[in-house]
Amino acid sequence: MRNKYIEAFENAQVAEKSIPDFRAGDTLRVAVKIEEGGKTRIQNFEGVCIARRGQGTGETFIIRKIGANSIGVERIFPLYSDSLEEIQVLRKGKVRRAKLFYLRNRRGKAAKIRELRK
């Protein structure tokens, strides 16, 4: 059982932001606000969502991309963070698991996720 004041605050936070429907296996482009010096800019981070966890305002998701020199880069984003400008779903993936941590050990075609066609 949660405190009613905390629950009311979380509901207000959740109602403010529009989050697209996505799950593990989807390819996302996340626009992140970055502050350098006195300036702010937006940088895109594009990759496969390998996990979602938590609930309410504490919900997070992990995105994995292959960076330079075939090195995997993962970032954990809070879903309702102020630093997230936008979340775009580029592709829907057809996967059978909720957590895709096995992708960490795969390279190239072995790490490929089939697209969900409708």
PDB file of N, CA and C in Angstrom:
ATOM      1  N   MET A   1       0.839  -1.181   0.000  1.00  0.00           N
ATOM      2  CA  MET A   1       0.000   0.000   0.000  1.00  0.00           C
ATOM      3  C   MET A   1       0.882   1.242   0.000  1.00  0.00           C
ATOM      4  N   ARG A   2       0.566   2.167  -0.881  1.00  0.00           N
ATOM      5  CA  ARG A   2       1.397   3.359  -1.034  1.00  0.00           C
ATOM      6  C   ARG A   2       0.736   4.552  -0.369  1.00  0.00           C
ATOM      7  N   ASN A   3       1.544   5.504  -0.030  1.00  0.00           N
ATOM      8  CA  ASN A   3       1.060   6.745   0.550  1.00  0.00           C
ATOM      9  C   ASN A   3       0.238   7.490  -0.498  1.00  0.00           C
ATOM     10  N   LYS A   4      -0.911   8.021  -0.108  1.00  0.00           N
ATOM     11  CA  LYS A   4      -1.794   8.663  -1.088  1.00  0.00           C
ATOM     12  C   LYS A   4      -1.187   9.946  -1.663  1.00  0.00           C
ATOM     13  N   TYR A   5      -0.343  10.622  -0.890  1.00  0.00           N
ATOM     14  CA  TYR A   5       0.289  11.846  -1.391  1.00  0.00           C
ATOM     15  C   TYR A   5       1.348  11.529  -2.444  1.00  0.00           C
ATOM     16  N   ILE A   6       2.117  10.486  -2.183  1.00  0.00           N
ATOM     17  CA  ILE A   6       3.131  10.053  -3.154  1.00  0.00           C
ATOM     18  C   ILE A   6       2.453   9.571  -4.425  1.00  0.00           C
ATOM     19  N   GLU A   7       1.373   8.836  -4.260  1.00  0.00           N
ATOM     20  CA  GLU A   7       0.635   8.332  -5.413  1.00  0.00           C
ATOM     21  C   GLU A   7       0.051   9.477  -6.249  1.00  0.00           C
ATOM     22  N   ALA A   8      -0.478  10.509  -5.598  1.00  0.00           N
ATOM     23  CA  ALA A   8      -1.033  11.662  -6.313  1.00  0.00           C
ATOM     24  C   ALA A   8       0.071  12.399  -7.074  1.00  0.00           C
ATOM     25  N   PHE A   9       1.241  12.544  -6.443  1.00  0.00           N
ATOM     26  CA  PHE A   9       2.373  13.207  -7.091  1.00  0.00           C
ATOM     27  C   PHE A   9       2.824  12.426  -8.317  1.00  0.00           C
ATOM     28  N   GLU A  10       2.939  11.100  -8.181  1.00  0.00           N
ATOM     29  CA  GLU A  10       3.367  10.267  -9.300  1.00  0.00           C
ATOM     30  C   GLU A  10       2.375  10.311 -10.448  1.00  0.00           C
ATOM     31  N   ASN A  11       1.087  10.303 -10.135  1.00  0.00           N
ATOM     32  CA  ASN A  11       0.067  10.384 -11.184  1.00  0.00           C
ATOM     33  C   ASN A  11       0.152  11.696 -11.944  1.00  0.00           C
ATOM     34  N   ALA A  12       0.473  12.787 -11.244  1.00  0.00           N
ATOM     35  CA  ALA A  12       0.624  14.090 -11.906  1.00  0.00           C
ATOM     36  C   ALA A  12       1.841  14.067 -12.836  1.00  0.00           C
ATOM     37  N   GLN A  13       2.943  13.439 -12.392  1.00  0.00           N
ATOM     38  CA  GLN A  13       4.150  13.352 -13.211  1.00  0.00           C
ATOM     39  C   GLN A  13       3.913  12.511 -14.464  1.00  0.00           C
ATOM     40  N   VAL A  14       3.202  11.408 -14.296  1.00  0.00           N
ATOM     41  CA  VAL A  14       2.941  10.498 -15.403  1.00  0.00           C
ATOM     42  C   VAL A  14       2.014  11.142 -16.429  1.00  0.00           C
ATOM     43  N   ALA A  15       1.051  11.924 -15.978  1.00  0.00           N
ATOM     44  CA  ALA A  15       0.081  12.545 -16.876  1.00  0.00           C
ATOM     45  C   ALA A  15       0.725  13.627 -17.738  1.00  0.00           C
ATOM     46  N   GLU A  16       1.788  14.259 -17.237  1.00  0.00           N
ATOM     47  CA  GLU A  16       2.443  15.354 -17.965  1.00  0.00           C
ATOM     48  C   GLU A  16       3.092  14.898 -19.269  1.00  0.00           C
ATOM     49  N   LYS A  17       3.748  13.743 -19.229  1.00  0.00           N
ATOM     50  CA  LYS A  17       4.566  13.316 -20.345  1.00  0.00           C
ATOM     51  C   LYS A  17       3.854  12.259 -21.191  1.00  0.00           C
ATOM     52  N   SER A  18       3.991  12.370 -22.507  1.00  0.00           N
ATOM     53  CA  SER A  18       3.411  11.357 -23.391  1.00  0.00           C
ATOM     54  C   SER A  18       4.527  10.393 -23.812  1.00  0.00           C
ATOM     55  N   ILE A  19       4.371   9.148 -23.417  1.00  0.00           N
ATOM     56  CA  ILE A  19       5.363   8.119 -23.697  1.00  0.00           C
ATOM     57  C   ILE A  19       4.785   7.158 -24.723  1.00  0.00           C
ATOM     58  N   PRO A  20       5.501   6.892 -25.817  1.00  0.00           N
ATOM     59  CA  PRO A  20       4.988   5.933 -26.803  1.00  0.00           C
ATOM     60  C   PRO A  20       4.994   4.522 -26.233  1.00  0.00           C
ATOM     61  N   ASP A  21       4.196   3.661 -26.820  1.00  0.00           N
ATOM     62  CA  ASP A  21       4.113   2.279 -26.381  1.00  0.00           C
ATOM     63  C   ASP A  21       5.289   1.505 -26.988  1.00  0.00           C
ATOM     64  N   PHE A  22       6.200   1.042 -26.151  1.00  0.00           N
ATOM     65  CA  PHE A  22       7.323   0.251 -26.624  1.00  0.00           C
ATOM     66  C   PHE A  22       7.654  -0.812 -25.600  1.00  0.00           C
ATOM     67  N   ARG A  23       8.401  -1.824 -26.052  1.00  0.00           N
ATOM     68  CA  ARG A  23       8.814  -2.911 -25.173  1.00  0.00           C
ATOM     69  C   ARG A  23      10.192  -3.395 -25.599  1.00  0.00           C
ATOM     70  N   ALA A  24      10.687  -4.402 -24.932  1.00  0.00           N
ATOM     71  CA  ALA A  24      12.009  -4.938 -25.261  1.00  0.00           C
ATOM     72  C   ALA A  24      11.998  -5.480 -26.685  1.00  0.00           C
ATOM     73  N   GLY A  25      13.055  -5.217 -27.429  1.00  0.00           N
ATOM     74  CA  GLY A  25      13.160  -5.652 -28.814  1.00  0.00           C
ATOM     75  C   GLY A  25      12.896  -4.546 -29.808  1.00  0.00           C
ATOM     76  N   ASP A  26      12.308  -3.454 -29.365  1.00  0.00           N
ATOM     77  CA  ASP A  26      12.014  -2.335 -30.256  1.00  0.00           C
ATOM     78  C   ASP A  26      13.260  -1.460 -30.417  1.00  0.00           C
ATOM     79  N   THR A  27      13.428  -0.925 -31.612  1.00  0.00           N
ATOM     80  CA  THR A  27      14.519   0.008 -31.869  1.00  0.00           C
ATOM     81  C   THR A  27      14.009   1.410 -31.603  1.00  0.00           C
ATOM     82  N   LEU A  28      14.710   2.130 -30.740  1.00  0.00           N
ATOM     83  CA  LEU A  28      14.271   3.448 -30.298  1.00  0.00           C
ATOM     84  C   LEU A  28      15.312   4.506 -30.631  1.00  0.00           C
ATOM     85  N   ARG A  29      14.836   5.727 -30.791  1.00  0.00           N
ATOM     86  CA  ARG A  29      15.709   6.895 -30.874  1.00  0.00           C
ATOM     87  C   ARG A  29      15.288   7.831 -29.742  1.00  0.00           C
ATOM     88  N   VAL A  30      16.197   8.027 -28.804  1.00  0.00           N
ATOM     89  CA  VAL A  30      15.912   8.852 -27.630  1.00  0.00           C
ATOM     90  C   VAL A  30      16.680  10.155 -27.761  1.00  0.00           C
ATOM     91  N   ALA A  31      15.957  11.268 -27.701  1.00  0.00           N
ATOM     92  CA  ALA A  31      16.584  12.584 -27.745  1.00  0.00           C
ATOM     93  C   ALA A  31      16.854  13.023 -26.304  1.00  0.00           C
ATOM     94  N   VAL A  32      18.136  13.183 -25.981  1.00  0.00           N
ATOM     95  CA  VAL A  32      18.552  13.494 -24.618  1.00  0.00           C
ATOM     96  C   VAL A  32      19.100  14.916 -24.572  1.00  0.00           C
ATOM     97  N   LYS A  33      18.672  15.677 -23.565  1.00  0.00           N
ATOM     98  CA  LYS A  33      19.205  17.025 -23.366  1.00  0.00           C
ATOM     99  C   LYS A  33      20.544  16.900 -22.657  1.00  0.00           C
ATOM    100  N   ILE A  34      21.565  17.553 -23.224  1.00  0.00           N
ATOM    101  CA  ILE A  34      22.904  17.535 -22.638  1.00  0.00           C
ATOM    102  C   ILE A  34      23.313  18.975 -22.377  1.00  0.00           C
ATOM    103  N   GLU A  35      23.787  19.218 -21.153  1.00  0.00           N
ATOM    104  CA  GLU A  35      24.216  20.564 -20.797  1.00  0.00           C
ATOM    105  C   GLU A  35      25.736  20.586 -20.724  1.00  0.00           C
ATOM    106  N   GLU A  36      26.345  21.420 -21.568  1.00  0.00           N
ATOM    107  CA  GLU A  36      27.795  21.573 -21.585  1.00  0.00           C
ATOM    108  C   GLU A  36      28.109  23.047 -21.397  1.00  0.00           C
ATOM    109  N   GLY A  37      28.830  23.336 -20.347  1.00  0.00           N
ATOM    110  CA  GLY A  37      29.103  24.735 -20.050  1.00  0.00           C
ATOM    111  C   GLY A  37      27.797  25.410 -19.672  1.00  0.00           C
ATOM    112  N   GLY A  38      27.451  26.461 -20.397  1.00  0.00           N
ATOM    113  CA  GLY A  38      26.181  27.140 -20.156  1.00  0.00           C
ATOM    114  C   GLY A  38      25.151  26.829 -21.220  1.00  0.00           C
ATOM    115  N   LYS A  39      25.514  25.975 -22.162  1.00  0.00           N
ATOM    116  CA  LYS A  39      24.623  25.695 -23.291  1.00  0.00           C
ATOM    117  C   LYS A  39      23.983  24.320 -23.147  1.00  0.00           C
ATOM    118  N   THR A  40      22.783  24.204 -23.689  1.00  0.00           N
ATOM    119  CA  THR A  40      22.131  22.889 -23.741  1.00  0.00           C
ATOM    120  C   THR A  40      21.925  22.515 -25.199  1.00  0.00           C
ATOM    121  N   ARG A  41      22.084  21.235 -25.466  1.00  0.00           N
ATOM    122  CA  ARG A  41      21.837  20.740 -26.807  1.00  0.00           C
ATOM    123  C   ARG A  41      21.150  19.394 -26.692  1.00  0.00           C
ATOM    124  N   ILE A  42      20.639  18.909 -27.821  1.00  0.00           N
ATOM    125  CA  ILE A  42      19.946  17.634 -27.846  1.00  0.00           C
ATOM    126  C   ILE A  42      20.772  16.646 -28.646  1.00  0.00           C
ATOM    127  N   GLN A  43      21.022  15.480 -28.049  1.00  0.00           N
ATOM    128  CA  GLN A  43      21.789  14.426 -28.708  1.00  0.00           C
ATOM    129  C   GLN A  43      20.928  13.169 -28.776  1.00  0.00           C
ATOM    130  N   ASN A  44      20.890  12.557 -29.947  1.00  0.00           N
ATOM    131  CA  ASN A  44      20.110  11.338 -30.128  1.00  0.00           C
ATOM    132  C   ASN A  44      20.933  10.117 -29.748  1.00  0.00           C
ATOM    133  N   PHE A  45      20.272   9.175 -29.094  1.00  0.00           N
ATOM    134  CA  PHE A  45      20.872   7.883 -28.757  1.00  0.00           C
ATOM    135  C   PHE A  45      19.948   6.834 -29.348  1.00  0.00           C
ATOM    136  N   GLU A  46      20.444   6.087 -30.328  1.00  0.00           N
ATOM    137  CA  GLU A  46      19.603   5.144 -31.063  1.00  0.00           C
ATOM    138  C   GLU A  46      20.111   3.728 -30.862  1.00  0.00           C
ATOM    139  N   GLY A  47      19.188   2.838 -30.484  1.00  0.00           N
ATOM    140  CA  GLY A  47      19.567   1.455 -30.280  1.00  0.00           C
ATOM    141  C   GLY A  47      18.357   0.594 -29.944  1.00  0.00           C
ATOM    142  N   VAL A  48      18.632  -0.635 -29.536  1.00  0.00           N
ATOM    143  CA  VAL A  48      17.582  -1.601 -29.228  1.00  0.00           C
ATOM    144  C   VAL A  48      17.288  -1.553 -27.733  1.00  0.00           C
ATOM    145  N   CYS A  49      16.021  -1.498 -27.400  1.00  0.00           N
ATOM    146  CA  CYS A  49      15.606  -1.560 -26.006  1.00  0.00           C
ATOM    147  C   CYS A  49      15.755  -3.012 -25.554  1.00  0.00           C
ATOM    148  N   ILE A  50      16.607  -3.245 -24.555  1.00  0.00           N
ATOM    149  CA  ILE A  50      16.814  -4.624 -24.120  1.00  0.00           C
ATOM    150  C   ILE A  50      16.085  -4.933 -22.820  1.00  0.00           C
ATOM    151  N   ALA A  51      15.573  -3.922 -22.121  1.00  0.00           N
ATOM    152  CA  ALA A  51      14.851  -4.192 -20.874  1.00  0.00           C
ATOM    153  C   ALA A  51      14.057  -2.968 -20.435  1.00  0.00           C
ATOM    154  N   ARG A  52      12.968  -3.255 -19.748  1.00  0.00           N
ATOM    155  CA  ARG A  52      12.194  -2.232 -19.037  1.00  0.00           C
ATOM    156  C   ARG A  52      11.978  -2.754 -17.632  1.00  0.00           C
ATOM    157  N   ARG A  53      12.109  -1.887 -16.655  1.00  0.00           N
ATOM    158  CA  ARG A  53      11.906  -2.330 -15.281  1.00  0.00           C
ATOM    159  C   ARG A  53      11.320  -1.211 -14.443  1.00  0.00           C
ATOM    160  N   GLY A  54      10.695  -1.584 -13.343  1.00  0.00           N
ATOM    161  CA  GLY A  54      10.135  -0.611 -12.426  1.00  0.00           C
ATOM    162  C   GLY A  54       8.691  -0.292 -12.757  1.00  0.00           C
ATOM    163  N   GLN A  55       8.152   0.649 -12.006  1.00  0.00           N
ATOM    164  CA  GLN A  55       6.770   1.064 -12.221  1.00  0.00           C
ATOM    165  C   GLN A  55       6.610   2.522 -11.820  1.00  0.00           C
ATOM    166  N   GLY A  56       5.571   3.148 -12.325  1.00  0.00           N
ATOM    167  CA  GLY A  56       5.305   4.545 -11.987  1.00  0.00           C
ATOM    168  C   GLY A  56       6.407   5.456 -12.458  1.00  0.00           C
ATOM    169  N   THR A  57       6.739   6.443 -11.620  1.00  0.00           N
ATOM    170  CA  THR A  57       7.764   7.409 -12.007  1.00  0.00           C
ATOM    171  C   THR A  57       9.169   6.830 -11.891  1.00  0.00           C
ATOM    172  N   GLY A  58       9.320   5.691 -11.248  1.00  0.00           N
ATOM    173  CA  GLY A  58      10.626   5.066 -11.098  1.00  0.00           C
ATOM    174  C   GLY A  58      10.961   4.093 -12.214  1.00  0.00           C
ATOM    175  N   GLU A  59      10.144   4.057 -13.260  1.00  0.00           N
ATOM    176  CA  GLU A  59      10.367   3.103 -14.340  1.00  0.00           C
ATOM    177  C   GLU A  59      11.573   3.517 -15.185  1.00  0.00           C
ATOM    178  N   THR A  60      12.393   2.523 -15.554  1.00  0.00           N
ATOM    179  CA  THR A  60      13.561   2.777 -16.387  1.00  0.00           C
ATOM    180  C   THR A  60      13.591   1.799 -17.549  1.00  0.00           C
ATOM    181  N   PHE A  61      14.390   2.128 -18.559  1.00  0.00           N
ATOM    182  CA  PHE A  61      14.607   1.222 -19.682  1.00  0.00           C
ATOM    183  C   PHE A  61      16.061   1.312 -20.114  1.00  0.00           C
ATOM    184  N   ILE A  62      16.553   0.197 -20.666  1.00  0.00           N
ATOM    185  CA  ILE A  62      17.948   0.103 -21.077  1.00  0.00           C
ATOM    186  C   ILE A  62      18.000   0.013 -22.597  1.00  0.00           C
ATOM    187  N   ILE A  63      18.835   0.857 -23.196  1.00  0.00           N
ATOM    188  CA  ILE A  63      19.034   0.832 -24.644  1.00  0.00           C
ATOM    189  C   ILE A  63      20.475   0.440 -24.932  1.00  0.00           C
ATOM    190  N   ARG A  64      20.640  -0.460 -25.897  1.00  0.00           N
ATOM    191  CA  ARG A  64      21.970  -0.924 -26.296  1.00  0.00           C
ATOM    192  C   ARG A  64      22.190  -0.597 -27.759  1.00  0.00           C
ATOM    193  N   LYS A  65      23.345   0.001 -28.045  1.00  0.00           N
ATOM    194  CA  LYS A  65      23.730   0.244 -29.433  1.00  0.00           C
ATOM    195  C   LYS A  65      25.163  -0.198 -29.630  1.00  0.00           C
ATOM    196  N   ILE A  66      25.519  -0.434 -30.868  1.00  0.00           N
ATOM    197  CA  ILE A  66      26.895  -0.778 -31.199  1.00  0.00           C
ATOM    198  C   ILE A  66      27.582   0.506 -31.633  1.00  0.00           C
ATOM    199  N   GLY A  67      28.564   0.925 -30.860  1.00  0.00           N
ATOM    200  CA  GLY A  67      29.261   2.176 -31.120  1.00  0.00           C
ATOM    201  C   GLY A  67      30.440   1.977 -32.055  1.00  0.00           C
ATOM    202  N   ALA A  68      31.384   2.877 -31.954  1.00  0.00           N
ATOM    203  CA  ALA A  68      32.574   2.823 -32.801  1.00  0.00           C
ATOM    204  C   ALA A  68      33.404   1.596 -32.468  1.00  0.00           C
ATOM    205  N   ASN A  69      34.079   1.045 -33.449  1.00  0.00           N
ATOM    206  CA  ASN A  69      34.942  -0.132 -33.303  1.00  0.00           C
ATOM    207  C   ASN A  69      34.191  -1.344 -32.778  1.00  0.00           C
ATOM    208  N   SER A  70      32.907  -1.445 -33.092  1.00  0.00           N
ATOM    209  CA  SER A  70      32.061  -2.583 -32.695  1.00  0.00           C
ATOM    210  C   SER A  70      32.021  -2.798 -31.188  1.00  0.00           C
ATOM    211  N   ILE A  71      32.036  -1.716 -30.444  1.00  0.00           N
ATOM    212  CA  ILE A  71      31.942  -1.795 -28.985  1.00  0.00           C
ATOM    213  C   ILE A  71      30.503  -1.495 -28.585  1.00  0.00           C
ATOM    214  N   GLY A  72      29.909  -2.363 -27.797  1.00  0.00           N
ATOM    215  CA  GLY A  72      28.536  -2.172 -27.351  1.00  0.00           C
ATOM    216  C   GLY A  72      28.456  -1.107 -26.276  1.00  0.00           C
ATOM    217  N   VAL A  73      27.454  -0.239 -26.397  1.00  0.00           N
ATOM    218  CA  VAL A  73      27.233   0.837 -25.433  1.00  0.00           C
ATOM    219  C   VAL A  73      25.807   0.713 -24.917  1.00  0.00           C
ATOM    220  N   GLU A  74      25.650   0.686 -23.606  1.00  0.00           N
ATOM    221  CA  GLU A  74      24.321   0.619 -22.997  1.00  0.00           C
ATOM    222  C   GLU A  74      24.106   1.832 -22.123  1.00  0.00           C
ATOM    223  N   ARG A  75      22.875   2.336 -22.154  1.00  0.00           N
ATOM    224  CA  ARG A  75      22.508   3.438 -21.271  1.00  0.00           C
ATOM    225  C   ARG A  75      21.174   3.124 -20.630  1.00  0.00           C
ATOM    226  N   ILE A  76      21.053   3.485 -19.382  1.00  0.00           N
ATOM    227  CA  ILE A  76      19.807   3.319 -18.645  1.00  0.00           C
ATOM    228  C   ILE A  76      19.168   4.690 -18.535  1.00  0.00           C
ATOM    229  N   PHE A  77      17.911   4.776 -18.987  1.00  0.00           N
ATOM    230  CA  PHE A  77      17.180   6.034 -18.951  1.00  0.00           C
ATOM    231  C   PHE A  77      15.980   5.914 -18.024  1.00  0.00           C
ATOM    232  N   PRO A  78      15.777   6.865 -17.128  1.00  0.00           N
ATOM    233  CA  PRO A  78      14.508   6.917 -16.397  1.00  0.00           C
ATOM    234  C   PRO A  78      13.417   7.367 -17.370  1.00  0.00           C
ATOM    235  N   LEU A  79      12.298   6.701 -17.360  1.00  0.00           N
ATOM    236  CA  LEU A  79      11.249   6.950 -18.348  1.00  0.00           C
ATOM    237  C   LEU A  79      10.670   8.360 -18.240  1.00  0.00           C
ATOM    238  N   TYR A  80      10.530   8.855 -17.016  1.00  0.00           N
ATOM    239  CA  TYR A  80       9.913  10.165 -16.816  1.00  0.00           C
ATOM    240  C   TYR A  80      10.935  11.233 -16.438  1.00  0.00           C
ATOM    241  N   SER A  81      12.150  11.111 -16.977  1.00  0.00           N
ATOM    242  CA  SER A  81      13.200  12.076 -16.687  1.00  0.00           C
ATOM    243  C   SER A  81      12.971  13.376 -17.461  1.00  0.00           C
ATOM    244  N   ASP A  82      13.400  14.482 -16.856  1.00  0.00           N
ATOM    245  CA  ASP A  82      13.307  15.778 -17.538  1.00  0.00           C
ATOM    246  C   ASP A  82      14.346  15.901 -18.643  1.00  0.00           C
ATOM    247  N   SER A  83      15.405  15.101 -18.578  1.00  0.00           N
ATOM    248  CA  SER A  83      16.446  15.190 -19.598  1.00  0.00           C
ATOM    249  C   SER A  83      16.049  14.504 -20.904  1.00  0.00           C
ATOM    250  N   LEU A  84      14.967  13.718 -20.896  1.00  0.00           N
ATOM    251  CA  LEU A  84      14.488  13.094 -22.124  1.00  0.00           C
ATOM    252  C   LEU A  84      13.560  14.055 -22.852  1.00  0.00           C
ATOM    253  N   GLU A  85      13.955  14.430 -24.037  1.00  0.00           N
ATOM    254  CA  GLU A  85      13.150  15.344 -24.843  1.00  0.00           C
ATOM    255  C   GLU A  85      12.060  14.587 -25.601  1.00  0.00           C
ATOM    256  N   GLU A  86      12.448  13.434 -26.184  1.00  0.00           N
ATOM    257  CA  GLU A  86      11.516  12.694 -27.036  1.00  0.00           C
ATOM    258  C   GLU A  86      11.969  11.245 -27.149  1.00  0.00           C
ATOM    259  N   ILE A  87      10.992  10.340 -27.288  1.00  0.00           N
ATOM    260  CA  ILE A  87      11.273   8.933 -27.548  1.00  0.00           C
ATOM    261  C   ILE A  87      10.535   8.551 -28.816  1.00  0.00           C
ATOM    262  N   GLN A  88      11.279   8.068 -29.816  1.00  0.00           N
ATOM    263  CA  GLN A  88      10.681   7.632 -31.083  1.00  0.00           C
ATOM    264  C   GLN A  88      10.866   6.129 -31.229  1.00  0.00           C
ATOM    265  N   VAL A  89       9.816   5.439 -31.625  1.00  0.00           N
ATOM    266  CA  VAL A  89       9.912   4.019 -31.927  1.00  0.00           C
ATOM    267  C   VAL A  89      10.160   3.887 -33.424  1.00  0.00           C
ATOM    268  N   LEU A  90      11.335   3.379 -33.804  1.00  0.00           N
ATOM    269  CA  LEU A  90      11.692   3.263 -35.210  1.00  0.00           C
ATOM    270  C   LEU A  90      11.239   1.924 -35.792  1.00  0.00           C
ATOM    271  N   ARG A  91      11.415   0.840 -35.031  1.00  0.00           N
ATOM    272  CA  ARG A  91      11.023  -0.501 -35.470  1.00  0.00           C
ATOM    273  C   ARG A  91      10.464  -1.271 -34.295  1.00  0.00           C
ATOM    274  N   LYS A  92       9.480  -2.093 -34.566  1.00  0.00           N
ATOM    275  CA  LYS A  92       8.957  -3.012 -33.553  1.00  0.00           C
ATOM    276  C   LYS A  92       9.661  -4.344 -33.755  1.00  0.00           C
ATOM    277  N   GLY A  93      10.220  -4.888 -32.704  1.00  0.00           N
ATOM    278  CA  GLY A  93      10.941  -6.147 -32.805  1.00  0.00           C
ATOM    279  C   GLY A  93      10.088  -7.324 -32.372  1.00  0.00           C
ATOM    280  N   LYS A  94      10.314  -8.454 -33.012  1.00  0.00           N
ATOM    281  CA  LYS A  94       9.602  -9.680 -32.656  1.00  0.00           C
ATOM    282  C   LYS A  94      10.512 -10.517 -31.764  1.00  0.00           C
ATOM    283  N   VAL A  95      10.253 -10.465 -30.466  1.00  0.00           N
ATOM    284  CA  VAL A  95      11.051 -11.212 -29.503  1.00  0.00           C
ATOM    285  C   VAL A  95      10.125 -11.975 -28.565  1.00  0.00           C
ATOM    286  N   ARG A  96      10.683 -12.975 -27.894  1.00  0.00           N
ATOM    287  CA  ARG A  96       9.878 -13.812 -27.019  1.00  0.00           C
ATOM    288  C   ARG A  96      10.235 -13.629 -25.546  1.00  0.00           C
ATOM    289  N   ARG A  97      11.068 -12.677 -25.256  1.00  0.00           N
ATOM    290  CA  ARG A  97      11.492 -12.446 -23.876  1.00  0.00           C
ATOM    291  C   ARG A  97      11.302 -10.989 -23.491  1.00  0.00           C
ATOM    292  N   ALA A  98      11.220 -10.745 -22.196  1.00  0.00           N
ATOM    293  CA  ALA A  98      11.069  -9.391 -21.685  1.00  0.00           C
ATOM    294  C   ALA A  98      12.414  -8.717 -21.470  1.00  0.00           C
ATOM    295  N   LYS A  99      13.446  -9.503 -21.234  1.00  0.00           N
ATOM    296  CA  LYS A  99      14.788  -8.977 -21.026  1.00  0.00           C
ATOM    297  C   LYS A  99      15.716  -9.639 -22.047  1.00  0.00           C
ATOM    298  N   LEU A 100      16.418  -8.827 -22.812  1.00  0.00           N
ATOM    299  CA  LEU A 100      17.248  -9.338 -23.905  1.00  0.00           C
ATOM    300  C   LEU A 100      18.737  -9.220 -23.585  1.00  0.00           C
ATOM    301  N   PHE A 101      19.121  -9.599 -22.373  1.00  0.00           N
ATOM    302  CA  PHE A 101      20.516  -9.481 -21.965  1.00  0.00           C
ATOM    303  C   PHE A 101      21.429 -10.409 -22.747  1.00  0.00           C
ATOM    304  N   TYR A 102      20.880 -11.429 -23.376  1.00  0.00           N
ATOM    305  CA  TYR A 102      21.695 -12.345 -24.174  1.00  0.00           C
ATOM    306  C   TYR A 102      22.311 -11.640 -25.382  1.00  0.00           C
ATOM    307  N   LEU A 103      21.787 -10.485 -25.778  1.00  0.00           N
ATOM    308  CA  LEU A 103      22.349  -9.743 -26.911  1.00  0.00           C
ATOM    309  C   LEU A 103      23.753  -9.220 -26.607  1.00  0.00           C
ATOM    310  N   ARG A 104      24.103  -9.143 -25.332  1.00  0.00           N
ATOM    311  CA  ARG A 104      25.434  -8.660 -24.952  1.00  0.00           C
ATOM    312  C   ARG A 104      26.536  -9.574 -25.462  1.00  0.00           C
ATOM    313  N   ASN A 105      26.232 -10.856 -25.617  1.00  0.00           N
ATOM    314  CA  ASN A 105      27.237 -11.824 -26.048  1.00  0.00           C
ATOM    315  C   ASN A 105      27.209 -12.085 -27.544  1.00  0.00           C
ATOM    316  N   ARG A 106      26.356 -11.385 -28.264  1.00  0.00           N
ATOM    317  CA  ARG A 106      26.215 -11.652 -29.699  1.00  0.00           C
ATOM    318  C   ARG A 106      26.759 -10.494 -30.519  1.00  0.00           C
ATOM    319  N   ARG A 107      27.235 -10.825 -31.714  1.00  0.00           N
ATOM    320  CA  ARG A 107      27.769  -9.818 -32.634  1.00  0.00           C
ATOM    321  C   ARG A 107      27.163 -10.036 -34.006  1.00  0.00           C
ATOM    322  N   GLY A 108      27.056  -8.996 -34.795  1.00  0.00           N
ATOM    323  CA  GLY A 108      26.648  -9.097 -36.194  1.00  0.00           C
ATOM    324  C   GLY A 108      25.254  -9.651 -36.392  1.00  0.00           C
ATOM    325  N   LYS A 109      25.127 -10.628 -37.287  1.00  0.00           N
ATOM    326  CA  LYS A 109      23.821 -11.193 -37.612  1.00  0.00           C
ATOM    327  C   LYS A 109      23.196 -11.942 -36.440  1.00  0.00           C
ATOM    328  N   ALA A 110      24.008 -12.460 -35.562  1.00  0.00           N
ATOM    329  CA  ALA A 110      23.494 -13.203 -34.415  1.00  0.00           C
ATOM    330  C   ALA A 110      22.728 -12.288 -33.463  1.00  0.00           C
ATOM    331  N   ALA A 111      23.043 -10.993 -33.500  1.00  0.00           N
ATOM    332  CA  ALA A 111      22.389 -10.035 -32.618  1.00  0.00           C
ATOM    333  C   ALA A 111      21.192  -9.371 -33.285  1.00  0.00           C
ATOM    334  N   LYS A 112      20.838  -9.840 -34.470  1.00  0.00           N
ATOM    335  CA  LYS A 112      19.755  -9.213 -35.223  1.00  0.00           C
ATOM    336  C   LYS A 112      18.392  -9.623 -34.660  1.00  0.00           C
ATOM    337  N   ILE A 113      17.477  -8.686 -34.620  1.00  0.00           N
ATOM    338  CA  ILE A 113      16.111  -8.942 -34.157  1.00  0.00           C
ATOM    339  C   ILE A 113      15.182  -8.772 -35.320  1.00  0.00           C
ATOM    340  N   ARG A 114      14.316  -9.778 -35.533  1.00  0.00           N
ATOM    341  CA  ARG A 114      13.362  -9.695 -36.636  1.00  0.00           C
ATOM    342  C   ARG A 114      12.331  -8.614 -36.373  1.00  0.00           C
ATOM    343  N   GLU A 115      11.898  -7.970 -37.440  1.00  0.00           N
ATOM    344  CA  GLU A 115      10.902  -6.903 -37.322  1.00  0.00           C
ATOM    345  C   GLU A 115       9.504  -7.488 -37.268  1.00  0.00           C
ATOM    346  N   LEU A 116       8.675  -6.918 -36.430  1.00  0.00           N
ATOM    347  CA  LEU A 116       7.296  -7.350 -36.302  1.00  0.00           C
ATOM    348  C   LEU A 116       6.482  -6.680 -37.403  1.00  0.00           C
ATOM    349  N   ARG A 117       5.960  -7.463 -38.308  1.00  0.00           N
ATOM    350  CA  ARG A 117       5.157  -6.936 -39.419  1.00  0.00           C
ATOM    351  C   ARG A 117       3.697  -7.111 -39.103  1.00  0.00           C
ATOM    352  N   LYS A 118       2.907  -6.098 -39.425  1.00  0.00           N
ATOM    353  CA  LYS A 118       1.466  -6.180 -39.140  1.00  0.00           C
ATOM    354  C   LYS A 118       0.668  -6.287 -40.395  1.00  0.00           C
TER     355      LYS A 118
END
